[in-house]
Amino acid sequence: MKTERADNGNVVTLEYTIQLEDGSVVGGHKPMSMTFTVGGGEVFPVLETAVVGMALHQKRSVKISPEQGYGDYRESLILQVERTAFPEDMPLIPGKTIQYQNRDGQRANFIIQEVKGDRVTLDGNHPLAGQTLVYEMALRKVE
């Protein structure tokens, strides 16, 4: 039997767009889709809470603070690295994302901010860190 309202344990599919507080759209104007188990910890907890009780095809707007989303922007995640730390043939283009793997095998993404002489400035913050996000979402499927 099909559930018509979302509840904990249901697998749901949302169609959504994300906007910043200034109204600019993240990821383009075409709605994106995500499927997750409500209560499974796969998405921001505030999104899971907002989905509970939603009816199929219902729309909802959810505002997510930096603390509820990608966190505050942290200056401590801005790194200055010598150019020699990178392979000689690696193009270092500002705005490009590169991946670093530490000795324990953990990976982290950094965005190249600037290349100046023999110094490279990297930003380890998520691109949406420090931003309040507004999810415009519609419930498309409940299982």
Protein backbone atom coordinates (compact mmCIF):
# COMPACT_ATOMS: atom_id res chain seq x y z
CA MET A 1 0.00 0.00 0.00
CA LYS A 2 1.33 3.41 -0.95
CA THR A 3 1.82 6.06 1.75
CA GLU A 4 0.50 9.47 0.74
CA ARG A 5 2.27 11.43 3.51
CA ALA A 6 5.97 11.30 4.33
CA ASP A 7 7.01 9.87 7.68
CA ASN A 8 10.19 8.56 9.33
CA GLY A 9 11.42 5.46 7.53
CA ASN A 10 9.83 6.36 4.18
CA VAL A 11 11.99 6.69 1.09
CA VAL A 12 11.03 10.01 -0.48
CA THR A 13 11.93 11.83 -3.67
CA LEU A 14 12.01 15.62 -3.65
CA GLU A 15 12.25 18.01 -6.54
CA TYR A 16 13.95 21.19 -5.39
CA THR A 17 15.83 24.37 -6.14
CA ILE A 18 18.17 26.22 -3.79
CA GLN A 19 18.35 29.97 -3.48
CA LEU A 20 20.59 32.22 -1.45
CA GLU A 21 19.08 35.00 0.65
CA ASP A 22 19.80 37.52 -2.12
CA GLY A 23 17.56 35.48 -4.45
CA SER A 24 20.35 34.06 -6.62
CA VAL A 25 19.80 30.43 -7.60
CA VAL A 26 22.38 27.73 -6.78
CA GLY A 27 22.96 25.07 -9.43
CA GLY A 28 20.75 26.59 -12.12
CA HIS A 29 17.03 27.25 -12.45
CA LYS A 30 16.08 23.71 -13.47
CA PRO A 31 14.80 21.77 -10.42
CA MET A 32 17.07 19.02 -9.10
CA SER A 33 15.95 15.74 -7.58
CA MET A 34 17.05 13.80 -4.51
CA THR A 35 15.89 10.56 -2.95
CA PHE A 36 16.55 9.69 0.69
CA THR A 37 15.19 7.79 3.68
CA VAL A 38 13.46 10.14 6.13
CA GLY A 39 15.26 9.84 9.47
CA GLY A 40 18.23 8.10 7.86
CA GLY A 41 20.65 10.99 8.36
CA GLU A 42 21.37 11.29 4.64
CA VAL A 43 20.41 14.98 4.35
CA PHE A 44 20.42 18.01 6.65
CA PRO A 45 18.24 17.23 9.72
CA VAL A 46 16.17 20.38 9.11
CA LEU A 47 15.19 19.01 5.67
CA GLU A 48 14.17 15.67 7.16
CA THR A 49 12.02 17.43 9.76
CA ALA A 50 10.39 19.60 7.08
CA VAL A 51 9.48 16.56 4.95
CA VAL A 52 7.68 14.69 7.75
CA GLY A 53 3.94 15.09 7.23
CA MET A 54 4.22 16.44 3.68
CA ALA A 55 1.60 15.10 1.28
CA LEU A 56 2.47 13.81 -2.16
CA HIS A 57 2.95 16.79 -4.56
CA GLN A 58 2.85 19.28 -1.67
CA LYS A 59 5.33 22.18 -1.92
CA ARG A 60 7.25 23.69 0.94
CA SER A 61 9.92 26.33 1.44
CA VAL A 62 12.65 25.61 3.99
CA LYS A 63 15.22 28.14 5.20
CA ILE A 64 18.52 26.60 6.32
CA SER A 65 20.96 28.64 8.38
CA PRO A 66 24.72 28.12 7.97
CA GLU A 67 24.74 26.18 11.26
CA GLN A 68 22.03 23.84 9.94
CA GLY A 69 23.70 23.50 6.55
CA TYR A 70 27.33 23.71 5.47
CA GLY A 71 28.58 25.56 8.54
CA ASP A 72 30.11 28.96 9.04
CA TYR A 73 32.84 30.20 6.73
CA ARG A 74 36.14 29.56 8.53
CA GLU A 75 39.21 31.66 7.76
CA SER A 76 41.30 28.85 9.30
CA LEU A 77 40.52 26.76 6.20
CA ILE A 78 42.32 29.22 3.91
CA LEU A 79 45.78 27.82 3.23
CA GLN A 80 48.91 29.22 1.60
CA VAL A 81 50.88 26.48 -0.16
CA GLU A 82 54.11 26.52 -2.13
CA ARG A 83 53.66 25.90 -5.87
CA THR A 84 56.22 23.11 -5.57
CA ALA A 85 53.70 21.08 -3.51
CA PHE A 86 51.85 20.34 -6.77
CA PRO A 87 52.97 18.35 -9.80
CA GLU A 88 54.82 20.63 -12.22
CA ASP A 89 52.44 19.86 -15.09
CA MET A 90 49.28 20.42 -13.01
CA PRO A 91 47.39 23.50 -14.16
CA LEU A 92 46.43 25.61 -11.13
CA ILE A 93 43.38 27.59 -12.21
CA PRO A 94 41.54 29.85 -9.73
CA GLY A 95 38.05 28.49 -9.10
CA LYS A 96 39.07 24.90 -9.86
CA THR A 97 38.51 22.26 -7.17
CA ILE A 98 41.39 19.98 -6.27
CA GLN A 99 41.44 17.03 -3.89
CA TYR A 100 43.98 16.35 -1.17
CA GLN A 101 44.50 13.01 0.56
CA ASN A 102 46.25 12.91 3.92
CA ARG A 103 48.41 10.07 5.29
CA ASP A 104 45.32 8.38 6.81
CA GLY A 105 43.63 8.24 3.41
CA GLN A 106 41.06 10.92 4.24
CA ARG A 107 40.21 13.20 1.35
CA ALA A 108 39.36 16.88 1.39
CA ASN A 109 38.37 19.25 -1.41
CA PHE A 110 39.97 22.66 -1.80
CA ILE A 111 39.16 25.46 -4.21
CA ILE A 112 42.09 27.28 -5.75
CA GLN A 113 41.56 30.94 -4.86
CA GLU A 114 44.71 32.51 -6.21
CA VAL A 115 48.04 31.66 -7.78
CA LYS A 116 50.63 34.38 -7.22
CA GLY A 117 54.26 33.69 -8.01
CA ASP A 118 55.32 30.60 -6.09
CA ARG A 119 52.34 30.72 -3.67
CA VAL A 120 48.93 29.09 -4.11
CA THR A 121 45.96 30.10 -1.94
CA LEU A 122 43.49 27.28 -1.27
CA ASP A 123 40.07 27.43 0.37
CA GLY A 124 38.90 24.32 2.24
CA ASN A 125 35.42 25.70 2.99
CA HIS A 126 32.40 24.24 1.23
CA PRO A 127 31.33 26.70 -1.50
CA LEU A 128 28.04 27.29 0.39
CA ALA A 129 29.63 27.68 3.85
CA GLY A 130 28.39 30.78 5.65
CA GLN A 131 25.31 31.03 3.42
CA THR A 132 21.66 30.86 4.42
CA LEU A 133 19.96 28.56 1.92
CA VAL A 134 16.30 28.50 0.91
CA TYR A 135 15.12 25.15 -0.44
CA GLU A 136 11.96 25.34 -2.56
CA MET A 137 10.86 21.73 -2.66
CA ALA A 138 8.00 19.52 -3.76
CA LEU A 139 7.37 15.95 -2.62
CA ARG A 140 7.24 13.77 -5.75
CA LYS A 141 7.33 10.23 -4.38
CA VAL A 142 6.74 8.42 -1.07
CA GLU A 143 7.55 4.74 -0.56
